[in-house]
N, C-alpha and C. Protein backbone atom coordinates (compact mmCIF):
# COMPACT_ATOMS: atom_id res chain seq x y z
N UNK A 1 -6.26 -54.50 -6.94
CA UNK A 1 -5.16 -54.36 -6.25
C UNK A 1 -5.41 -52.75 -5.65
N UNK A 2 -5.12 -52.22 -4.46
CA UNK A 2 -5.12 -51.02 -3.61
C UNK A 2 -4.62 -50.29 -4.44
N UNK A 3 -4.37 -48.99 -4.26
CA UNK A 3 -3.78 -47.66 -4.73
C UNK A 3 -2.59 -48.05 -3.63
N UNK A 4 -1.62 -47.28 -4.06
CA UNK A 4 -0.77 -47.39 -2.94
C UNK A 4 -0.32 -45.92 -2.25
N UNK A 5 -0.07 -46.35 -1.19
CA UNK A 5 -0.18 -45.23 -0.06
C UNK A 5 1.22 -44.26 -0.18
N UNK A 6 0.90 -43.38 -0.17
CA UNK A 6 2.31 -42.18 0.01
C UNK A 6 2.26 -41.39 1.26
N UNK A 7 3.88 -41.22 1.64
CA UNK A 7 3.94 -39.89 3.08
C UNK A 7 4.13 -38.89 2.26
N UNK A 8 3.21 -37.84 3.26
CA UNK A 8 3.80 -36.51 3.12
C UNK A 8 4.10 -35.71 4.74
N UNK A 9 5.31 -35.41 4.89
CA UNK A 9 5.63 -34.53 6.25
C UNK A 9 4.58 -35.62 7.16
N UNK A 10 5.07 -37.12 7.04
CA UNK A 10 4.64 -37.57 8.34
C UNK A 10 3.45 -38.28 7.97
N UNK A 11 2.51 -37.81 7.44
CA UNK A 11 1.34 -37.87 7.22
C UNK A 11 0.70 -38.71 6.23
N UNK A 12 -0.08 -40.01 6.32
CA UNK A 12 -0.35 -41.10 5.36
C UNK A 12 -1.36 -40.65 4.60
N UNK A 13 -1.15 -40.46 2.93
CA UNK A 13 -1.83 -40.21 2.33
C UNK A 13 -2.49 -41.28 1.15
N UNK A 14 -4.10 -41.33 1.29
CA UNK A 14 -4.19 -42.88 0.54
C UNK A 14 -3.88 -42.86 -0.84
N UNK A 15 -4.00 -41.77 -1.86
CA UNK A 15 -3.37 -41.80 -3.12
C UNK A 15 -2.52 -40.80 -3.87
N UNK A 16 -2.14 -41.47 -5.11
CA UNK A 16 -0.94 -39.70 -5.68
C UNK A 16 -1.51 -38.73 -5.80
N UNK A 17 -3.13 -38.99 -6.30
CA UNK A 17 -3.40 -37.97 -6.34
C UNK A 17 -3.57 -37.04 -5.10
N UNK A 18 -4.34 -37.12 -4.08
CA UNK A 18 -4.63 -36.59 -3.35
C UNK A 18 -3.13 -36.13 -2.32
N UNK A 19 -1.74 -36.85 -2.82
CA UNK A 19 -0.69 -36.76 -2.46
C UNK A 19 -0.18 -35.30 -3.00
N UNK A 20 -0.42 -35.18 -4.25
CA UNK A 20 -0.24 -34.07 -5.33
C UNK A 20 -1.20 -32.85 -4.63
N UNK A 21 -2.59 -33.05 -4.61
CA UNK A 21 -3.40 -32.05 -3.51
C UNK A 21 -2.73 -31.46 -2.67
N UNK A 22 -2.30 -32.33 -1.28
CA UNK A 22 -1.81 -31.69 -0.55
C UNK A 22 -0.65 -30.85 -0.18
N UNK A 23 0.46 -31.93 -1.54
CA UNK A 23 1.77 -30.59 -1.68
C UNK A 23 1.23 -29.63 -2.29
N UNK A 24 -0.10 -29.16 -3.19
CA UNK A 24 -0.41 -27.83 -3.69
C UNK A 24 -0.67 -27.12 -2.49
N UNK A 25 -1.73 -27.98 -1.57
CA UNK A 25 -1.61 -26.60 -0.31
C UNK A 25 -0.73 -26.22 0.59
N UNK A 26 0.48 -26.97 0.91
CA UNK A 26 1.60 -26.26 2.00
C UNK A 26 1.98 -25.53 1.00
N UNK A 27 2.10 -25.05 -0.17
CA UNK A 27 2.39 -23.95 -0.91
C UNK A 27 1.93 -22.19 -0.33
N UNK A 28 2.95 -21.81 0.47
CA UNK A 28 2.29 -20.20 0.85
C UNK A 28 2.10 -18.98 0.26
N UNK A 29 1.02 -18.15 0.73
CA UNK A 29 0.63 -17.28 -0.38
C UNK A 29 0.69 -15.94 0.53
N UNK A 30 1.77 -15.09 -0.12
CA UNK A 30 1.38 -13.71 0.92
C UNK A 30 0.38 -13.15 0.99
N UNK A 31 -0.06 -12.07 1.95
CA UNK A 31 -1.63 -11.93 1.69
C UNK A 31 -0.80 -10.72 2.59
N UNK A 32 -1.40 -9.37 1.61
CA UNK A 32 -0.76 -8.12 2.04
C UNK A 32 -2.13 -7.24 1.37
N UNK A 33 -2.47 -6.22 2.59
CA UNK A 33 -3.13 -4.71 2.26
C UNK A 33 -2.33 -3.76 1.72
N UNK A 34 -3.30 -2.99 1.30
CA UNK A 34 -3.01 -1.71 0.47
C UNK A 34 -3.99 -0.80 1.35
N UNK A 35 -2.55 0.21 1.74
CA UNK A 35 -3.55 1.57 2.24
C UNK A 35 -3.13 2.60 1.38
N UNK A 36 -4.45 2.88 1.20
CA UNK A 36 -4.45 4.40 0.35
C UNK A 36 -4.07 5.56 1.33
N UNK A 37 -3.19 6.23 1.19
CA UNK A 37 -2.68 7.54 2.04
C UNK A 37 -3.29 8.67 1.76
N UNK A 38 -3.66 9.72 2.15
CA UNK A 38 -3.89 10.85 2.06
C UNK A 38 -2.59 12.07 2.80
N UNK A 39 -2.02 12.62 2.12
CA UNK A 39 -1.04 13.86 2.59
C UNK A 39 -1.44 15.34 2.84
N UNK A 40 -1.61 15.94 3.51
CA UNK A 40 -1.64 17.23 3.43
C UNK A 40 -0.89 17.92 4.27
N UNK A 41 -0.45 18.56 3.30
CA UNK A 41 0.85 19.42 3.97
C UNK A 41 0.03 20.70 4.45
N UNK A 42 0.52 21.36 5.43
CA UNK A 42 -0.11 22.48 6.37
C UNK A 42 -0.01 23.92 5.93
N UNK A 43 1.32 23.64 5.00
CA UNK A 43 1.54 25.09 4.01
C UNK A 43 0.61 24.80 2.81
N UNK A 44 0.07 23.85 2.36
CA UNK A 44 -0.39 24.01 1.20
C UNK A 44 0.42 23.70 -0.01
N UNK A 45 1.49 23.69 0.00
CA UNK A 45 1.93 22.96 -1.18
C UNK A 45 2.20 21.89 -1.35
N UNK A 46 3.08 21.14 -2.77
CA UNK A 46 2.42 19.89 -2.92
C UNK A 46 3.94 19.86 -2.41
N UNK A 47 4.35 18.05 -2.56
CA UNK A 47 5.14 17.80 -2.27
C UNK A 47 6.40 17.61 -3.23
N UNK A 48 7.57 17.64 -3.09
CA UNK A 48 9.17 17.73 -4.01
C UNK A 48 8.43 16.20 -4.67
N UNK A 49 9.20 16.05 -5.93
CA UNK A 49 9.41 14.90 -6.67
C UNK A 49 10.44 14.14 -6.07
N UNK A 50 12.07 14.80 -6.28
CA UNK A 50 12.60 14.00 -5.91
C UNK A 50 12.72 12.71 -4.66
N UNK A 51 12.97 11.26 -5.21
CA UNK A 51 12.86 10.46 -4.22
C UNK A 51 11.68 10.78 -2.82
N UNK A 52 10.33 10.74 -3.45
CA UNK A 52 9.55 10.47 -2.93
C UNK A 52 8.79 9.77 -2.42
N UNK A 53 8.95 8.47 -2.73
CA UNK A 53 8.49 7.64 -2.78
C UNK A 53 9.42 6.62 -1.39
N UNK A 54 10.53 6.68 -1.61
CA UNK A 54 11.76 6.39 -0.34
C UNK A 54 11.88 7.21 0.56
N UNK A 55 11.69 8.61 0.41
CA UNK A 55 11.34 9.06 1.97
C UNK A 55 10.71 9.01 2.68
N UNK A 56 9.30 8.53 1.63
CA UNK A 56 7.99 7.97 2.20
C UNK A 56 7.99 7.16 3.21
N UNK A 57 8.64 6.48 2.23
CA UNK A 57 9.19 4.52 2.85
C UNK A 57 9.59 5.29 4.14
N UNK A 58 10.79 5.59 4.38
CA UNK A 58 11.77 5.96 5.54
C UNK A 58 10.80 6.58 6.66
N UNK A 59 10.35 7.57 6.42
CA UNK A 59 9.42 7.99 7.10
C UNK A 59 8.30 7.14 8.21
N UNK A 60 7.86 6.40 7.05
CA UNK A 60 6.55 5.47 7.48
C UNK A 60 7.50 4.58 8.50
N UNK A 61 8.81 3.93 8.24
CA UNK A 61 9.40 2.62 9.04
C UNK A 61 10.01 3.65 10.66
N UNK A 62 10.52 4.58 10.59
CA UNK A 62 10.63 5.22 11.69
C UNK A 62 9.33 5.50 12.43
N UNK A 63 8.08 5.53 11.68
CA UNK A 63 7.34 5.87 12.59
C UNK A 63 6.77 4.96 13.24
N UNK A 64 6.53 3.36 12.70
CA UNK A 64 6.42 2.08 13.20
C UNK A 64 7.06 2.13 14.13
N UNK A 65 8.69 2.39 13.97
CA UNK A 65 9.43 2.01 15.13
C UNK A 65 9.42 2.55 16.25
N UNK A 66 9.19 4.23 16.04
CA UNK A 66 9.00 4.84 16.93
C UNK A 66 7.93 4.51 18.01
N UNK A 67 6.65 3.72 17.62
CA UNK A 67 5.32 3.38 17.72
C UNK A 67 5.21 2.43 18.83
N UNK A 68 6.02 1.19 17.95
CA UNK A 68 5.80 -0.16 18.15
C UNK A 68 7.62 -0.74 18.47
N UNK A 69 8.36 -0.17 18.48
CA UNK A 69 9.87 -0.66 19.23
C UNK A 69 10.62 -0.83 18.12
N UNK A 70 11.21 -1.43 18.14
CA UNK A 70 12.55 -2.52 17.08
C UNK A 70 11.34 -3.54 16.94
N UNK A 71 11.14 -4.76 17.75
CA UNK A 71 10.60 -5.72 17.51
C UNK A 71 9.55 -5.40 16.12
N UNK A 72 8.39 -4.14 17.29
CA UNK A 72 6.99 -3.88 15.34
C UNK A 72 7.72 -3.44 14.69
N UNK A 73 8.75 -3.17 14.52
CA UNK A 73 9.40 -2.42 13.66
C UNK A 73 10.05 -3.56 12.17
N UNK A 74 10.81 -4.58 13.05
CA UNK A 74 11.17 -5.77 12.42
C UNK A 74 10.23 -6.36 11.75
N UNK A 75 9.09 -6.72 12.23
CA UNK A 75 7.96 -7.40 12.10
C UNK A 75 7.30 -6.77 10.65
N UNK A 76 7.34 -5.61 11.21
CA UNK A 76 6.11 -5.05 9.87
C UNK A 76 7.01 -4.01 8.75
N UNK A 77 7.94 -3.95 9.01
CA UNK A 77 9.28 -3.47 7.77
C UNK A 77 9.40 -4.69 6.69
N UNK A 78 8.93 -6.03 7.17
CA UNK A 78 9.55 -6.97 5.94
C UNK A 78 8.56 -6.98 4.40
N UNK A 79 7.86 -6.62 4.85
CA UNK A 79 6.52 -6.27 3.46
C UNK A 79 6.11 -5.00 3.27
N UNK A 80 6.97 -4.17 3.82
CA UNK A 80 6.84 -2.35 3.90
C UNK A 80 7.03 -1.71 2.25
N UNK A 81 6.15 -1.35 1.72
CA UNK A 81 6.59 -0.98 0.47
C UNK A 81 5.60 0.08 -0.08
N UNK A 82 6.25 1.46 -0.52
CA UNK A 82 5.30 2.38 -1.13
C UNK A 82 4.69 2.22 -2.64
N UNK A 83 4.06 1.88 -2.97
CA UNK A 83 3.72 1.24 -4.54
C UNK A 83 3.20 2.55 -5.58
N UNK A 84 2.95 3.57 -4.82
CA UNK A 84 3.09 4.92 -5.71
C UNK A 84 2.69 5.91 -4.75
N UNK A 85 3.12 7.43 -5.43
CA UNK A 85 2.74 8.27 -4.62
C UNK A 85 2.86 9.64 -5.48
N UNK A 86 1.78 10.13 -5.71
CA UNK A 86 1.67 11.22 -6.17
C UNK A 86 2.56 12.93 -5.80
N UNK A 87 2.83 13.34 -6.30
CA UNK A 87 3.35 14.53 -5.57
C UNK A 87 2.13 15.98 -5.59
N UNK A 88 1.83 15.94 -6.53
CA UNK A 88 0.83 17.28 -6.39
C UNK A 88 -0.68 16.98 -5.86
N UNK A 89 -1.01 15.96 -5.46
CA UNK A 89 -2.66 15.87 -4.83
C UNK A 89 -1.97 15.20 -3.71
N UNK A 90 -0.77 14.42 -3.46
CA UNK A 90 -0.48 13.84 -1.78
C UNK A 90 -1.22 12.56 -1.49
N UNK A 91 -1.63 12.35 -2.91
CA UNK A 91 -1.85 10.47 -2.58
C UNK A 91 -1.31 9.66 -2.89
N UNK A 92 -0.86 8.36 -2.16
CA UNK A 92 -0.05 7.74 -2.20
C UNK A 92 -0.49 6.03 -1.44
N UNK A 93 -0.44 4.72 -2.32
CA UNK A 93 -0.58 3.98 -1.59
C UNK A 93 0.75 3.03 -1.21
N UNK A 94 0.39 2.53 0.07
CA UNK A 94 1.17 1.76 0.77
C UNK A 94 1.15 0.23 1.03
N UNK A 95 1.96 -0.63 0.77
CA UNK A 95 1.63 -2.27 0.66
C UNK A 95 2.50 -2.71 2.35
N UNK A 96 1.49 -3.49 2.82
CA UNK A 96 1.96 -3.90 3.72
C UNK A 96 1.01 -5.40 4.09
N UNK A 97 2.25 -6.15 5.33
CA UNK A 97 1.70 -7.85 5.31
C UNK A 97 -0.02 -7.46 5.99
N UNK A 98 -0.56 -8.33 6.02
CA UNK A 98 -2.03 -8.14 6.34
C UNK A 98 -1.71 -8.03 8.08
N UNK A 99 -1.25 -9.31 8.97
CA UNK A 99 -1.17 -9.18 9.84
C UNK A 99 -0.59 -7.72 10.59
N UNK A 100 0.13 -7.35 9.80
CA UNK A 100 0.78 -6.13 10.67
C UNK A 100 0.14 -4.57 9.90
N UNK A 101 -0.76 -4.93 9.07
CA UNK A 101 -1.79 -3.79 8.36
C UNK A 101 -1.96 -2.68 9.75
N UNK A 102 -2.84 -3.37 11.14
CA UNK A 102 -2.95 -2.38 11.48
C UNK A 102 -2.00 -1.35 12.39
N UNK A 103 -0.82 -2.33 12.84
CA UNK A 103 0.20 -1.77 13.22
C UNK A 103 0.45 -0.27 12.08
N UNK A 104 0.84 -0.81 10.71
CA UNK A 104 0.99 0.51 10.29
C UNK A 104 0.22 1.68 9.60
N UNK A 105 -1.17 0.89 9.95
CA UNK A 105 -2.25 1.92 10.31
C UNK A 105 -1.87 3.05 10.73
N UNK A 106 -1.73 2.45 12.22
CA UNK A 106 -1.32 3.40 13.47
C UNK A 106 -0.47 4.16 13.00
N UNK A 107 0.56 3.40 12.60
CA UNK A 107 1.41 4.56 12.68
C UNK A 107 1.82 5.30 11.61
N UNK A 108 1.14 5.07 10.59
CA UNK A 108 0.79 6.49 9.53
C UNK A 108 0.02 7.74 9.98
N UNK A 109 -1.11 7.20 10.74
CA UNK A 109 -1.79 8.51 11.67
C UNK A 109 -1.29 9.01 12.28
N UNK A 110 0.20 8.44 12.85
CA UNK A 110 0.25 9.30 13.99
C UNK A 110 1.53 10.64 13.29
N UNK A 111 1.72 10.10 12.32
CA UNK A 111 2.87 10.93 11.68
C UNK A 111 2.29 12.40 11.80
N UNK A 112 3.57 13.17 11.67
CA UNK A 112 3.37 14.66 12.18
C UNK A 112 4.28 15.56 11.04
N UNK A 113 4.95 14.92 10.06
CA UNK A 113 5.55 15.70 9.47
C UNK A 113 6.18 14.98 8.34
N UNK A 114 6.44 15.49 7.22
CA UNK A 114 7.64 14.64 6.37
C UNK A 114 8.59 15.50 5.35
N UNK A 115 9.52 15.24 5.77
CA UNK A 115 10.82 16.04 5.39
C UNK A 115 10.57 17.18 5.36
N UNK A 116 10.68 17.57 6.93
CA UNK A 116 10.85 18.48 7.77
C UNK A 116 10.25 19.49 7.37
N UNK A 117 8.60 19.04 7.18
CA UNK A 117 7.46 19.83 6.75
C UNK A 117 6.11 19.05 7.74
N UNK A 118 5.36 19.91 8.34
CA UNK A 118 4.42 19.56 8.78
C UNK A 118 3.27 18.91 7.94
N UNK A 119 2.66 18.17 8.24
CA UNK A 119 1.63 17.17 7.59
C UNK A 119 0.92 16.50 7.91
N UNK A 120 -0.59 16.47 7.52
CA UNK A 120 -1.02 15.65 8.39
C UNK A 120 -1.26 14.29 7.00
N UNK A 121 -1.33 13.22 7.68
CA UNK A 121 -1.53 11.77 6.91
C UNK A 121 -2.97 11.27 7.61
N UNK A 122 -3.85 11.03 6.61
CA UNK A 122 -5.14 10.06 6.46
C UNK A 122 -5.10 9.06 5.87
N UNK A 123 -5.37 7.67 6.31
CA UNK A 123 -5.49 6.45 5.46
C UNK A 123 -7.34 6.27 5.10
N UNK A 124 -7.32 6.36 3.73
CA UNK A 124 -8.72 6.51 3.08
C UNK A 124 -9.26 5.50 2.94
N UNK A 125 -8.57 4.40 2.92
CA UNK A 125 -8.88 2.89 2.38
C UNK A 125 -7.78 1.86 2.80
N UNK A 126 -8.00 0.65 3.17
CA UNK A 126 -7.68 -0.58 3.37
C UNK A 126 -7.94 -1.72 3.11
N UNK A 127 -7.43 -2.07 2.05
CA UNK A 127 -7.97 -3.36 1.42
C UNK A 127 -6.99 -4.23 0.80
N UNK A 128 -7.39 -5.31 1.06
CA UNK A 128 -6.81 -6.79 0.57
C UNK A 128 -6.32 -6.81 -0.96
N UNK A 129 -6.97 -6.08 -2.12
CA UNK A 129 -7.00 -6.62 -3.75
C UNK A 129 -5.73 -5.53 -4.35
N UNK A 130 -5.65 -5.81 -5.04
CA UNK A 130 -4.85 -4.58 -6.00
C UNK A 130 -6.16 -3.72 -6.79
N UNK A 131 -6.75 -4.48 -7.01
CA UNK A 131 -8.04 -3.59 -8.03
C UNK A 131 -8.47 -2.78 -6.83
N UNK A 132 -8.82 -3.22 -5.62
CA UNK A 132 -9.43 -2.63 -4.85
C UNK A 132 -8.99 -0.78 -4.74
N UNK A 133 -7.39 -1.31 -4.17
CA UNK A 133 -6.53 -0.06 -4.30
C UNK A 133 -6.41 0.46 -4.49
N UNK A 134 -6.59 0.18 -5.95
CA UNK A 134 -6.24 1.22 -7.62
C UNK A 134 -7.36 1.44 -7.51
N UNK A 135 -8.83 1.40 -7.89
CA UNK A 135 -9.85 2.10 -7.62
C UNK A 135 -9.97 2.95 -6.37
N UNK A 136 -10.09 2.88 -4.85
CA UNK A 136 -9.45 3.73 -4.29
C UNK A 136 -8.99 4.87 -4.73
N UNK A 137 -7.54 4.34 -4.74
CA UNK A 137 -6.60 5.27 -5.33
C UNK A 137 -7.51 6.46 -6.21
N UNK A 138 -7.63 6.03 -7.53
CA UNK A 138 -8.49 6.80 -8.34
C UNK A 138 -9.44 7.85 -8.21
N UNK A 139 -10.14 7.17 -6.71
CA UNK A 139 -11.31 8.49 -6.27
C UNK A 139 -10.96 9.45 -5.79
N UNK A 140 -9.60 8.94 -5.05
CA UNK A 140 -8.80 9.69 -3.77
C UNK A 140 -8.07 11.32 -4.95
N UNK A 141 -7.59 10.58 -5.91
CA UNK A 141 -6.94 11.35 -7.47
C UNK A 141 -8.25 12.32 -7.69
N UNK A 142 -9.34 11.86 -8.21
CA UNK A 142 -10.42 12.80 -8.69
C UNK A 142 -11.09 13.58 -8.03
N UNK A 143 -11.12 13.26 -6.58
CA UNK A 143 -11.81 14.14 -5.66
C UNK A 143 -9.97 15.33 -4.83
N UNK A 144 -9.18 14.83 -4.65
CA UNK A 144 -7.99 15.70 -4.53
C UNK A 144 -8.04 16.94 -5.79
N UNK A 145 -7.69 16.52 -6.84
CA UNK A 145 -7.71 17.08 -8.25
C UNK A 145 -9.13 18.31 -8.49
N UNK A 146 -10.25 18.17 -8.19
CA UNK A 146 -11.52 18.81 -7.85
C UNK A 146 -11.28 19.71 -7.26
N UNK A 147 -10.50 19.49 -6.07
CA UNK A 147 -10.49 20.50 -4.87
C UNK A 147 -9.38 21.73 -4.87
N UNK A 148 -8.15 20.77 -5.68
CA UNK A 148 -7.15 21.61 -6.41
C UNK A 148 -7.78 22.99 -7.17
N UNK A 149 -8.61 22.19 -8.23
CA UNK A 149 -9.41 23.59 -9.32
C UNK A 149 -10.05 24.21 -8.32
N UNK A 150 -10.61 24.14 -7.33
CA UNK A 150 -11.79 24.79 -6.72
C UNK A 150 -10.13 25.82 -5.75
N UNK A 151 -9.40 25.71 -5.23
CA UNK A 151 -8.28 26.41 -4.83
C UNK A 151 -7.65 27.69 -5.57
N UNK A 152 -7.94 27.08 -7.28
CA UNK A 152 -7.35 27.81 -8.33
C UNK A 152 -5.76 27.03 -8.40
N UNK A 153 -5.06 26.57 -8.00
CA UNK A 153 -3.89 25.36 -8.03
C UNK A 153 -3.63 24.57 -9.35
N UNK A 154 -4.99 24.47 -9.92
CA UNK A 154 -5.05 23.61 -11.40
C UNK A 154 -6.01 24.27 -11.61
N UNK A 155 -6.09 24.13 -13.34
CA UNK A 155 -6.77 24.41 -14.51
C UNK A 155 -8.20 23.20 -14.83
N UNK A 156 -9.00 23.34 -14.76
CA UNK A 156 -10.38 22.76 -15.24
C UNK A 156 -10.02 21.89 -16.23
N UNK A 157 -9.28 22.49 -17.76
CA UNK A 157 -9.17 21.99 -18.54
C UNK A 157 -8.06 20.53 -18.33
N UNK A 158 -6.90 21.20 -17.74
CA UNK A 158 -6.18 19.44 -17.41
C UNK A 158 -6.49 18.69 -16.57
N UNK A 159 -7.86 18.70 -16.01
CA UNK A 159 -8.26 17.49 -15.15
C UNK A 159 -7.98 16.31 -15.83
N UNK A 160 -8.91 16.15 -16.97
CA UNK A 160 -9.22 14.96 -17.78
C UNK A 160 -7.91 14.38 -18.08
N UNK A 161 -7.00 15.19 -18.43
CA UNK A 161 -5.58 14.77 -18.82
C UNK A 161 -4.79 14.20 -17.80
N UNK A 162 -4.92 14.84 -16.48
CA UNK A 162 -4.11 14.33 -15.65
C UNK A 162 -4.67 13.32 -14.86
N UNK A 163 -6.04 13.12 -15.01
CA UNK A 163 -6.51 12.01 -14.27
C UNK A 163 -6.53 10.80 -15.22
N UNK A 164 -6.66 10.86 -16.64
CA UNK A 164 -6.33 10.02 -17.17
C UNK A 164 -4.84 9.33 -17.77
N UNK A 165 -3.83 9.98 -17.43
CA UNK A 165 -2.25 9.69 -16.94
C UNK A 165 -1.71 8.90 -15.62
N UNK A 166 -2.73 9.50 -14.81
CA UNK A 166 -2.69 9.32 -13.52
C UNK A 166 -2.77 7.66 -13.26
N UNK A 167 -4.20 7.92 -13.74
CA UNK A 167 -4.61 6.36 -13.69
C UNK A 167 -3.65 5.02 -14.40
N UNK A 168 -3.29 5.23 -15.07
CA UNK A 168 -2.45 4.51 -16.46
C UNK A 168 -1.28 4.30 -15.06
N UNK A 169 -0.84 5.69 -14.55
CA UNK A 169 -0.06 5.36 -13.78
C UNK A 169 0.16 4.25 -12.77
N UNK A 170 -1.25 5.04 -11.85
CA UNK A 170 -1.44 4.03 -10.53
C UNK A 170 -1.97 2.59 -11.28
N UNK A 171 -1.95 2.10 -11.87
CA UNK A 171 -2.31 0.69 -12.75
C UNK A 171 -1.45 -0.31 -12.94
N UNK A 172 0.35 0.71 -13.51
CA UNK A 172 1.15 -0.05 -13.40
C UNK A 172 2.01 -0.18 -12.29
N UNK A 173 1.87 1.00 -11.47
CA UNK A 173 2.66 1.32 -10.35
C UNK A 173 2.32 0.07 -8.87
N UNK A 174 0.89 0.00 -9.12
CA UNK A 174 0.37 -0.81 -7.80
C UNK A 174 0.21 -1.96 -8.36
N UNK A 175 0.26 -2.52 -9.19
CA UNK A 175 0.42 -4.26 -9.62
C UNK A 175 1.93 -4.30 -10.04
N UNK A 176 2.64 -3.85 -10.26
CA UNK A 176 3.80 -4.30 -10.27
C UNK A 176 4.57 -4.31 -8.83
């Protein structure tokens, strides 16, 4: 006796096993991009800690709206979030939708200030995996901390402890 044919979305599938596989393929996965952004304030001071992620997210949303209009902002902000932000080094990780990553990246690079202070924004990494974003963020943190040591704003003895702590924070913040 031949196997029983089933129908999925008006497509005839020969066997129940193939029907299960077709249903599994029909599931949609959200594809994100992770941008590692470095913020350099022109006055040399660090960001304030209070509400930095929320304020940064609002500033990015405003930049997207300014550059791409209401329709572009509506499409881009659906999956937009700030996953991690470090006030001392100015390194942050922004998650966005894969299709809108170029728009978000362009909007971030055109930003001229944050919280009423002039600043330069640079996207140093754009990747599709959490692991790649985490590793790039730790590399940028390391480079920024060594630059702060050279400027005399951080002691050399404190760098290893800061990196270990920030590495753990980045691992949990970017993943969740």
